[in-house]
């Protein structure tokens, strides 16, 4: 039950941060290992990948709109494994 509550709070937090005019930063993780980041600043979203990131993720050229959950799903579909995005305080 605690996992469900944590998931709901994390999703709500991500939705709140998407609409902020201030910078927002997410980590992108696969199997608990951070492989990249999503930076939202001045309405522009940028992905950055670490060396260890799977090339299928690093080659992602799809949309980077306001839907962080949709991005996680698109990356997961591309990789064939769950991908999580976690918001960090900026």
PDB file of N, CA and C in Angstrom:
ATOM      1  N   UNK A   1       0.821  -1.188   0.000  1.00  0.00           N
ATOM      2  CA  UNK A   1       0.000   0.000   0.000  1.00  0.00           C
ATOM      3  C   UNK A   1       0.871   1.260   0.000  1.00  0.00           C
ATOM      4  N   UNK A   2       1.981   1.207   0.714  1.00  0.00           N
ATOM      5  CA  UNK A   2       2.888   2.349   0.754  1.00  0.00           C
ATOM      6  C   UNK A   2       3.467   2.626  -0.631  1.00  0.00           C
ATOM      7  N   UNK A   3       3.766   1.564  -1.400  1.00  0.00           N
ATOM      8  CA  UNK A   3       4.282   1.750  -2.754  1.00  0.00           C
ATOM      9  C   UNK A   3       3.275   2.475  -3.632  1.00  0.00           C
ATOM     10  N   UNK A   4       2.006   2.140  -3.504  1.00  0.00           N
ATOM     11  CA  UNK A   4       0.960   2.797  -4.285  1.00  0.00           C
ATOM     12  C   UNK A   4       0.879   4.275  -3.908  1.00  0.00           C
ATOM     13  N   UNK A   5       0.914   4.573  -2.622  1.00  0.00           N
ATOM     14  CA  UNK A   5       0.858   5.965  -2.169  1.00  0.00           C
ATOM     15  C   UNK A   5       2.077   6.738  -2.670  1.00  0.00           C
ATOM     16  N   UNK A   6       3.244   6.143  -2.596  1.00  0.00           N
ATOM     17  CA  UNK A   6       4.466   6.798  -3.076  1.00  0.00           C
ATOM     18  C   UNK A   6       4.381   7.065  -4.570  1.00  0.00           C
ATOM     19  N   UNK A   7       3.848   6.101  -5.313  1.00  0.00           N
ATOM     20  CA  UNK A   7       3.701   6.265  -6.747  1.00  0.00           C
ATOM     21  C   UNK A   7       2.755   7.412  -7.080  1.00  0.00           C
ATOM     22  N   UNK A   8       1.648   7.505  -6.360  1.00  0.00           N
ATOM     23  CA  UNK A   8       0.669   8.574  -6.591  1.00  0.00           C
ATOM     24  C   UNK A   8       1.287   9.935  -6.291  1.00  0.00           C
ATOM     25  N   UNK A   9       2.012  10.034  -5.197  1.00  0.00           N
ATOM     26  CA  UNK A   9       2.658  11.300  -4.839  1.00  0.00           C
ATOM     27  C   UNK A   9       3.714  11.670  -5.870  1.00  0.00           C
ATOM     28  N   UNK A  10       4.499  10.695  -6.326  1.00  0.00           N
ATOM     29  CA  UNK A  10       5.535  10.970  -7.330  1.00  0.00           C
ATOM     30  C   UNK A  10       4.921  11.455  -8.631  1.00  0.00           C
ATOM     31  N   UNK A  11       3.826  10.830  -9.057  1.00  0.00           N
ATOM     32  CA  UNK A  11       3.158  11.242 -10.298  1.00  0.00           C
ATOM     33  C   UNK A  11       2.590  12.657 -10.161  1.00  0.00           C
ATOM     34  N   UNK A  12       1.973  12.944  -9.036  1.00  0.00           N
ATOM     35  CA  UNK A  12       1.404  14.279  -8.822  1.00  0.00           C
ATOM     36  C   UNK A  12       2.503  15.333  -8.815  1.00  0.00           C
ATOM     37  N   UNK A  13       3.626  15.027  -8.195  1.00  0.00           N
ATOM     38  CA  UNK A  13       4.753  15.957  -8.150  1.00  0.00           C
ATOM     39  C   UNK A  13       5.260  16.242  -9.557  1.00  0.00           C
ATOM     40  N   UNK A  14       5.397  15.190 -10.369  1.00  0.00           N
ATOM     41  CA  UNK A  14       5.872  15.381 -11.736  1.00  0.00           C
ATOM     42  C   UNK A  14       4.915  16.264 -12.520  1.00  0.00           C
ATOM     43  N   UNK A  15       3.628  16.058 -12.348  1.00  0.00           N
ATOM     44  CA  UNK A  15       2.648  16.875 -13.072  1.00  0.00           C
ATOM     45  C   UNK A  15       2.724  18.332 -12.645  1.00  0.00           C
ATOM     46  N   UNK A  16       2.933  18.578 -11.360  1.00  0.00           N
ATOM     47  CA  UNK A  16       3.040  19.953 -10.880  1.00  0.00           C
ATOM     48  C   UNK A  16       4.281  20.640 -11.431  1.00  0.00           C
ATOM     49  N   UNK A  17       5.390  19.926 -11.488  1.00  0.00           N
ATOM     50  CA  UNK A  17       6.634  20.532 -11.949  1.00  0.00           C
ATOM     51  C   UNK A  17       6.619  20.816 -13.441  1.00  0.00           C
ATOM     52  N   UNK A  18       5.868  20.070 -14.222  1.00  0.00           N
ATOM     53  CA  UNK A  18       5.836  20.268 -15.667  1.00  0.00           C
ATOM     54  C   UNK A  18       5.322  21.650 -16.012  1.00  0.00           C
ATOM     55  N   UNK A  19       4.363  22.169 -15.239  1.00  0.00           N
ATOM     56  CA  UNK A  19       3.750  23.450 -15.557  1.00  0.00           C
ATOM     57  C   UNK A  19       4.513  24.652 -14.999  1.00  0.00           C
ATOM     58  N   UNK A  20       5.599  24.425 -14.320  1.00  0.00           N
ATOM     59  CA  UNK A  20       6.348  25.535 -13.739  1.00  0.00           C
ATOM     60  C   UNK A  20       7.155  26.262 -14.789  1.00  0.00           C
ATOM     61  N   UNK A  21       7.274  27.551 -14.628  1.00  0.00           N
ATOM     62  CA  UNK A  21       8.118  28.333 -15.528  1.00  0.00           C
ATOM     63  C   UNK A  21       9.588  28.215 -15.107  1.00  0.00           C
ATOM     64  N   UNK A  22       9.813  27.774 -13.881  1.00  0.00           N
ATOM     65  CA  UNK A  22      11.168  27.617 -13.373  1.00  0.00           C
ATOM     66  C   UNK A  22      11.779  26.315 -13.905  1.00  0.00           C
ATOM     67  N   UNK A  23      13.095  26.197 -13.863  1.00  0.00           N
ATOM     68  CA  UNK A  23      13.731  24.970 -14.338  1.00  0.00           C
ATOM     69  C   UNK A  23      13.264  23.745 -13.554  1.00  0.00           C
ATOM     70  N   UNK A  24      13.195  22.624 -14.232  1.00  0.00           N
ATOM     71  CA  UNK A  24      12.855  21.355 -13.596  1.00  0.00           C
ATOM     72  C   UNK A  24      13.796  20.296 -14.151  1.00  0.00           C
ATOM     73  N   UNK A  25      14.152  19.344 -13.307  1.00  0.00           N
ATOM     74  CA  UNK A  25      15.108  18.308 -13.689  1.00  0.00           C
ATOM     75  C   UNK A  25      14.588  16.951 -13.263  1.00  0.00           C
ATOM     76  N   UNK A  26      14.676  15.977 -14.161  1.00  0.00           N
ATOM     77  CA  UNK A  26      14.308  14.597 -13.859  1.00  0.00           C
ATOM     78  C   UNK A  26      15.496  13.704 -14.146  1.00  0.00           C
ATOM     79  N   UNK A  27      15.630  12.651 -13.352  1.00  0.00           N
ATOM     80  CA  UNK A  27      16.579  11.597 -13.695  1.00  0.00           C
ATOM     81  C   UNK A  27      15.821  10.539 -14.475  1.00  0.00           C
ATOM     82  N   UNK A  28      16.515   9.873 -15.366  1.00  0.00           N
ATOM     83  CA  UNK A  28      15.944   8.776 -16.148  1.00  0.00           C
ATOM     84  C   UNK A  28      16.696   7.522 -15.737  1.00  0.00           C
ATOM     85  N   UNK A  29      15.948   6.530 -15.231  1.00  0.00           N
ATOM     86  CA  UNK A  29      16.586   5.326 -14.699  1.00  0.00           C
ATOM     87  C   UNK A  29      16.028   4.066 -15.343  1.00  0.00           C
ATOM     88  N   UNK A  30      16.909   3.088 -15.484  1.00  0.00           N
ATOM     89  CA  UNK A  30      16.546   1.756 -15.969  1.00  0.00           C
ATOM     90  C   UNK A  30      17.128   0.768 -14.965  1.00  0.00           C
ATOM     91  N   UNK A  31      16.301  -0.126 -14.478  1.00  0.00           N
ATOM     92  CA  UNK A  31      16.743  -1.125 -13.490  1.00  0.00           C
ATOM     93  C   UNK A  31      17.422  -0.471 -12.285  1.00  0.00           C
ATOM     94  N   UNK A  32      16.926   0.699 -11.880  1.00  0.00           N
ATOM     95  CA  UNK A  32      17.453   1.381 -10.709  1.00  0.00           C
ATOM     96  C   UNK A  32      18.736   2.151 -10.951  1.00  0.00           C
ATOM     97  N   UNK A  33      19.226   2.160 -12.173  1.00  0.00           N
ATOM     98  CA  UNK A  33      20.471   2.869 -12.494  1.00  0.00           C
ATOM     99  C   UNK A  33      20.157   4.099 -13.343  1.00  0.00           C
ATOM    100  N   UNK A  34      20.642   5.262 -12.934  1.00  0.00           N
ATOM    101  CA  UNK A  34      20.398   6.499 -13.673  1.00  0.00           C
ATOM    102  C   UNK A  34      21.244   6.478 -14.945  1.00  0.00           C
ATOM    103  N   UNK A  35      20.550   6.676 -16.092  1.00  0.00           N
ATOM    104  CA  UNK A  35      21.227   6.625 -17.386  1.00  0.00           C
ATOM    105  C   UNK A  35      21.126   7.944 -18.149  1.00  0.00           C
ATOM    106  N   UNK A  36      20.336   8.901 -17.607  1.00  0.00           N
ATOM    107  CA  UNK A  36      20.194  10.174 -18.296  1.00  0.00           C
ATOM    108  C   UNK A  36      19.373  11.155 -17.500  1.00  0.00           C
ATOM    109  N   UNK A  37      19.153  12.318 -18.098  1.00  0.00           N
ATOM    110  CA  UNK A  37      18.358  13.362 -17.447  1.00  0.00           C
ATOM    111  C   UNK A  37      17.440  14.023 -18.462  1.00  0.00           C
ATOM    112  N   UNK A  38      16.379  14.606 -17.936  1.00  0.00           N
ATOM    113  CA  UNK A  38      15.485  15.461 -18.710  1.00  0.00           C
ATOM    114  C   UNK A  38      15.491  16.812 -18.016  1.00  0.00           C
ATOM    115  N   UNK A  39      15.865  17.853 -18.741  1.00  0.00           N
ATOM    116  CA  UNK A  39      15.901  19.205 -18.199  1.00  0.00           C
ATOM    117  C   UNK A  39      14.829  20.029 -18.889  1.00  0.00           C
ATOM    118  N   UNK A  40      14.020  20.706 -18.106  1.00  0.00           N
ATOM    119  CA  UNK A  40      13.000  21.614 -18.635  1.00  0.00           C
ATOM    120  C   UNK A  40      13.342  23.010 -18.130  1.00  0.00           C
ATOM    121  N   UNK A  41      13.642  23.897 -19.068  1.00  0.00           N
ATOM    122  CA  UNK A  41      14.050  25.250 -18.700  1.00  0.00           C
ATOM    123  C   UNK A  41      13.534  26.233 -19.744  1.00  0.00           C
ATOM    124  N   UNK A  42      12.823  27.250 -19.297  1.00  0.00           N
ATOM    125  CA  UNK A  42      12.270  28.285 -20.174  1.00  0.00           C
ATOM    126  C   UNK A  42      11.413  27.677 -21.285  1.00  0.00           C
ATOM    127  N   UNK A  43      10.668  26.633 -20.942  1.00  0.00           N
ATOM    128  CA  UNK A  43       9.776  26.002 -21.901  1.00  0.00           C
ATOM    129  C   UNK A  43      10.446  25.049 -22.871  1.00  0.00           C
ATOM    130  N   UNK A  44      11.753  24.863 -22.742  1.00  0.00           N
ATOM    131  CA  UNK A  44      12.499  23.961 -23.620  1.00  0.00           C
ATOM    132  C   UNK A  44      12.887  22.722 -22.833  1.00  0.00           C
ATOM    133  N   UNK A  45      12.675  21.555 -23.435  1.00  0.00           N
ATOM    134  CA  UNK A  45      13.017  20.290 -22.799  1.00  0.00           C
ATOM    135  C   UNK A  45      14.173  19.646 -23.540  1.00  0.00           C
ATOM    136  N   UNK A  46      15.166  19.169 -22.776  1.00  0.00           N
ATOM    137  CA  UNK A  46      16.341  18.542 -23.378  1.00  0.00           C
ATOM    138  C   UNK A  46      16.654  17.244 -22.659  1.00  0.00           C
ATOM    139  N   UNK A  47      16.975  16.233 -23.445  1.00  0.00           N
ATOM    140  CA  UNK A  47      17.453  14.967 -22.895  1.00  0.00           C
ATOM    141  C   UNK A  47      18.967  14.951 -22.948  1.00  0.00           C
ATOM    142  N   UNK A  48      19.572  14.398 -21.915  1.00  0.00           N
ATOM    143  CA  UNK A  48      21.020  14.185 -21.897  1.00  0.00           C
ATOM    144  C   UNK A  48      21.250  12.755 -21.415  1.00  0.00           C
ATOM    145  N   UNK A  49      22.122  12.047 -22.095  1.00  0.00           N
ATOM    146  CA  UNK A  49      22.362  10.640 -21.774  1.00  0.00           C
ATOM    147  C   UNK A  49      23.784  10.441 -21.281  1.00  0.00           C
ATOM    148  N   UNK A  50      23.949   9.550 -20.301  1.00  0.00           N
ATOM    149  CA  UNK A  50      25.275   9.199 -19.808  1.00  0.00           C
ATOM    150  C   UNK A  50      25.868   8.123 -20.720  1.00  0.00           C
ATOM    151  N   UNK A  51      27.167   7.900 -20.635  1.00  0.00           N
ATOM    152  CA  UNK A  51      27.857   6.928 -21.494  1.00  0.00           C
ATOM    153  C   UNK A  51      27.237   5.536 -21.406  1.00  0.00           C
ATOM    154  N   UNK A  52      26.740   5.161 -20.226  1.00  0.00           N
ATOM    155  CA  UNK A  52      26.210   3.818 -20.002  1.00  0.00           C
ATOM    156  C   UNK A  52      24.800   3.625 -20.558  1.00  0.00           C
ATOM    157  N   UNK A  53      24.195   4.687 -21.070  1.00  0.00           N
ATOM    158  CA  UNK A  53      22.825   4.597 -21.574  1.00  0.00           C
ATOM    159  C   UNK A  53      22.765   3.684 -22.797  1.00  0.00           C
ATOM    160  N   UNK A  54      21.721   2.897 -22.864  1.00  0.00           N
ATOM    161  CA  UNK A  54      21.497   2.027 -24.015  1.00  0.00           C
ATOM    162  C   UNK A  54      21.359   2.900 -25.269  1.00  0.00           C
ATOM    163  N   UNK A  55      21.999   2.525 -26.365  1.00  0.00           N
ATOM    164  CA  UNK A  55      21.913   3.323 -27.600  1.00  0.00           C
ATOM    165  C   UNK A  55      20.475   3.513 -28.099  1.00  0.00           C
ATOM    166  N   UNK A  56      19.584   2.577 -27.781  1.00  0.00           N
ATOM    167  CA  UNK A  56      18.188   2.736 -28.197  1.00  0.00           C
ATOM    168  C   UNK A  56      17.537   3.919 -27.495  1.00  0.00           C
ATOM    169  N   UNK A  57      17.957   4.190 -26.267  1.00  0.00           N
ATOM    170  CA  UNK A  57      17.446   5.366 -25.553  1.00  0.00           C
ATOM    171  C   UNK A  57      18.104   6.634 -26.080  1.00  0.00           C
ATOM    172  N   UNK A  58      19.408   6.580 -26.219  1.00  0.00           N
ATOM    173  CA  UNK A  58      20.154   7.769 -26.665  1.00  0.00           C
ATOM    174  C   UNK A  58      19.727   8.225 -28.054  1.00  0.00           C
ATOM    175  N   UNK A  59      19.181   7.317 -28.864  1.00  0.00           N
ATOM    176  CA  UNK A  59      18.744   7.667 -30.220  1.00  0.00           C
ATOM    177  C   UNK A  59      17.311   8.191 -30.254  1.00  0.00           C
ATOM    178  N   UNK A  60      16.659   8.287 -29.105  1.00  0.00           N
ATOM    179  CA  UNK A  60      15.262   8.750 -29.074  1.00  0.00           C
ATOM    180  C   UNK A  60      15.168  10.165 -29.627  1.00  0.00           C
ATOM    181  N   UNK A  61      14.298  10.330 -30.609  1.00  0.00           N
ATOM    182  CA  UNK A  61      14.102  11.648 -31.227  1.00  0.00           C
ATOM    183  C   UNK A  61      12.624  12.025 -31.234  1.00  0.00           C
ATOM    184  N   UNK A  62      11.860  11.381 -30.378  1.00  0.00           N
ATOM    185  CA  UNK A  62      10.425  11.636 -30.333  1.00  0.00           C
ATOM    186  C   UNK A  62      10.085  12.920 -29.615  1.00  0.00           C
ATOM    187  N   UNK A  63       8.800  13.139 -29.393  1.00  0.00           N
ATOM    188  CA  UNK A  63       8.355  14.395 -28.770  1.00  0.00           C
ATOM    189  C   UNK A  63       8.789  14.527 -27.313  1.00  0.00           C
ATOM    190  N   UNK A  64       9.057  15.753 -26.916  1.00  0.00           N
ATOM    191  CA  UNK A  64       9.369  16.089 -25.525  1.00  0.00           C
ATOM    192  C   UNK A  64       8.371  17.146 -25.085  1.00  0.00           C
ATOM    193  N   UNK A  65       7.132  16.731 -24.924  1.00  0.00           N
ATOM    194  CA  UNK A  65       6.086  17.684 -24.548  1.00  0.00           C
ATOM    195  C   UNK A  65       5.892  17.693 -23.035  1.00  0.00           C
ATOM    196  N   UNK A  66       4.749  18.145 -22.583  1.00  0.00           N
ATOM    197  CA  UNK A  66       4.482  18.280 -21.151  1.00  0.00           C
ATOM    198  C   UNK A  66       4.188  16.973 -20.439  1.00  0.00           C
ATOM    199  N   UNK A  67       4.051  15.875 -21.160  1.00  0.00           N
ATOM    200  CA  UNK A  67       3.644  14.610 -20.560  1.00  0.00           C
ATOM    201  C   UNK A  67       4.857  13.741 -20.236  1.00  0.00           C
ATOM    202  N   UNK A  68       5.355  13.869 -19.022  1.00  0.00           N
ATOM    203  CA  UNK A  68       6.533  13.122 -18.587  1.00  0.00           C
ATOM    204  C   UNK A  68       6.228  11.632 -18.521  1.00  0.00           C
ATOM    205  N   UNK A  69       5.016  11.277 -18.111  1.00  0.00           N
ATOM    206  CA  UNK A  69       4.625   9.861 -18.049  1.00  0.00           C
ATOM    207  C   UNK A  69       4.642   9.233 -19.442  1.00  0.00           C
ATOM    208  N   UNK A  70       4.160   9.971 -20.447  1.00  0.00           N
ATOM    209  CA  UNK A  70       4.165   9.452 -21.818  1.00  0.00           C
ATOM    210  C   UNK A  70       5.597   9.253 -22.316  1.00  0.00           C
ATOM    211  N   UNK A  71       6.497  10.145 -21.918  1.00  0.00           N
ATOM    212  CA  UNK A  71       7.904   9.991 -22.291  1.00  0.00           C
ATOM    213  C   UNK A  71       8.470   8.721 -21.673  1.00  0.00           C
ATOM    214  N   UNK A  72       8.193   8.486 -20.400  1.00  0.00           N
ATOM    215  CA  UNK A  72       8.673   7.266 -19.739  1.00  0.00           C
ATOM    216  C   UNK A  72       8.145   6.022 -20.456  1.00  0.00           C
ATOM    217  N   UNK A  73       6.872   6.057 -20.844  1.00  0.00           N
ATOM    218  CA  UNK A  73       6.282   4.921 -21.552  1.00  0.00           C
ATOM    219  C   UNK A  73       6.919   4.734 -22.928  1.00  0.00           C
ATOM    220  N   UNK A  74       7.166   5.822 -23.637  1.00  0.00           N
ATOM    221  CA  UNK A  74       7.782   5.735 -24.964  1.00  0.00           C
ATOM    222  C   UNK A  74       9.203   5.174 -24.870  1.00  0.00           C
ATOM    223  N   UNK A  75       9.953   5.627 -23.874  1.00  0.00           N
ATOM    224  CA  UNK A  75      11.313   5.117 -23.690  1.00  0.00           C
ATOM    225  C   UNK A  75      11.297   3.645 -23.299  1.00  0.00           C
ATOM    226  N   UNK A  76      10.353   3.265 -22.443  1.00  0.00           N
ATOM    227  CA  UNK A  76      10.230   1.868 -22.022  1.00  0.00           C
ATOM    228  C   UNK A  76       9.870   0.972 -23.209  1.00  0.00           C
ATOM    229  N   UNK A  77       8.964   1.429 -24.062  1.00  0.00           N
ATOM    230  CA  UNK A  77       8.579   0.649 -25.242  1.00  0.00           C
ATOM    231  C   UNK A  77       9.778   0.477 -26.176  1.00  0.00           C
ATOM    232  N   UNK A  78      10.566   1.526 -26.290  1.00  0.00           N
ATOM    233  CA  UNK A  78      11.752   1.498 -27.154  1.00  0.00           C
ATOM    234  C   UNK A  78      12.789   0.512 -26.625  1.00  0.00           C
ATOM    235  N   UNK A  79      12.925   0.457 -25.305  1.00  0.00           N
ATOM    236  CA  UNK A  79      13.942  -0.372 -24.669  1.00  0.00           C
ATOM    237  C   UNK A  79      13.459  -1.794 -24.380  1.00  0.00           C
ATOM    238  N   UNK A  80      12.153  -1.942 -24.168  1.00  0.00           N
ATOM    239  CA  UNK A  80      11.624  -3.253 -23.811  1.00  0.00           C
ATOM    240  C   UNK A  80      11.745  -3.559 -22.329  1.00  0.00           C
ATOM    241  N   UNK A  81      12.022  -2.537 -21.556  1.00  0.00           N
ATOM    242  CA  UNK A  81      12.130  -2.664 -20.088  1.00  0.00           C
ATOM    243  C   UNK A  81      11.580  -1.398 -19.477  1.00  0.00           C
ATOM    244  N   UNK A  82      11.147  -1.469 -18.202  1.00  0.00           N
ATOM    245  CA  UNK A  82      10.632  -0.270 -17.549  1.00  0.00           C
ATOM    246  C   UNK A  82      11.665   0.844 -17.443  1.00  0.00           C
ATOM    247  N   UNK A  83      11.214   2.065 -17.689  1.00  0.00           N
ATOM    248  CA  UNK A  83      12.041   3.260 -17.565  1.00  0.00           C
ATOM    249  C   UNK A  83      11.299   4.195 -16.620  1.00  0.00           C
ATOM    250  N   UNK A  84      11.997   4.734 -15.636  1.00  0.00           N
ATOM    251  CA  UNK A  84      11.341   5.646 -14.696  1.00  0.00           C
ATOM    252  C   UNK A  84      11.993   7.017 -14.750  1.00  0.00           C
ATOM    253  N   UNK A  85      11.160   8.036 -14.578  1.00  0.00           N
ATOM    254  CA  UNK A  85      11.626   9.421 -14.479  1.00  0.00           C
ATOM    255  C   UNK A  85      11.264   9.926 -13.102  1.00  0.00           C
ATOM    256  N   UNK A  86      12.249  10.447 -12.400  1.00  0.00           N
ATOM    257  CA  UNK A  86      12.029  10.974 -11.046  1.00  0.00           C
ATOM    258  C   UNK A  86      12.414  12.442 -10.999  1.00  0.00           C
ATOM    259  N   UNK A  87      11.506  13.247 -10.507  1.00  0.00           N
ATOM    260  CA  UNK A  87      11.734  14.679 -10.422  1.00  0.00           C
ATOM    261  C   UNK A  87      12.704  15.000  -9.290  1.00  0.00           C
ATOM    262  N   UNK A  88      13.618  15.919  -9.572  1.00  0.00           N
ATOM    263  CA  UNK A  88      14.556  16.393  -8.554  1.00  0.00           C
ATOM    264  C   UNK A  88      14.272  17.844  -8.257  1.00  0.00           C
ATOM    265  N   UNK A  89      14.516  18.258  -7.038  1.00  0.00           N
ATOM    266  CA  UNK A  89      14.352  19.673  -6.676  1.00  0.00           C
ATOM    267  C   UNK A  89      15.450  20.472  -7.367  1.00  0.00           C
ATOM    268  N   UNK A  90      15.064  21.640  -7.900  1.00  0.00           N
ATOM    269  CA  UNK A  90      16.080  22.479  -8.555  1.00  0.00           C
ATOM    270  C   UNK A  90      16.228  23.777  -7.816  1.00  0.00           C
TER     271      UNK A  90
END
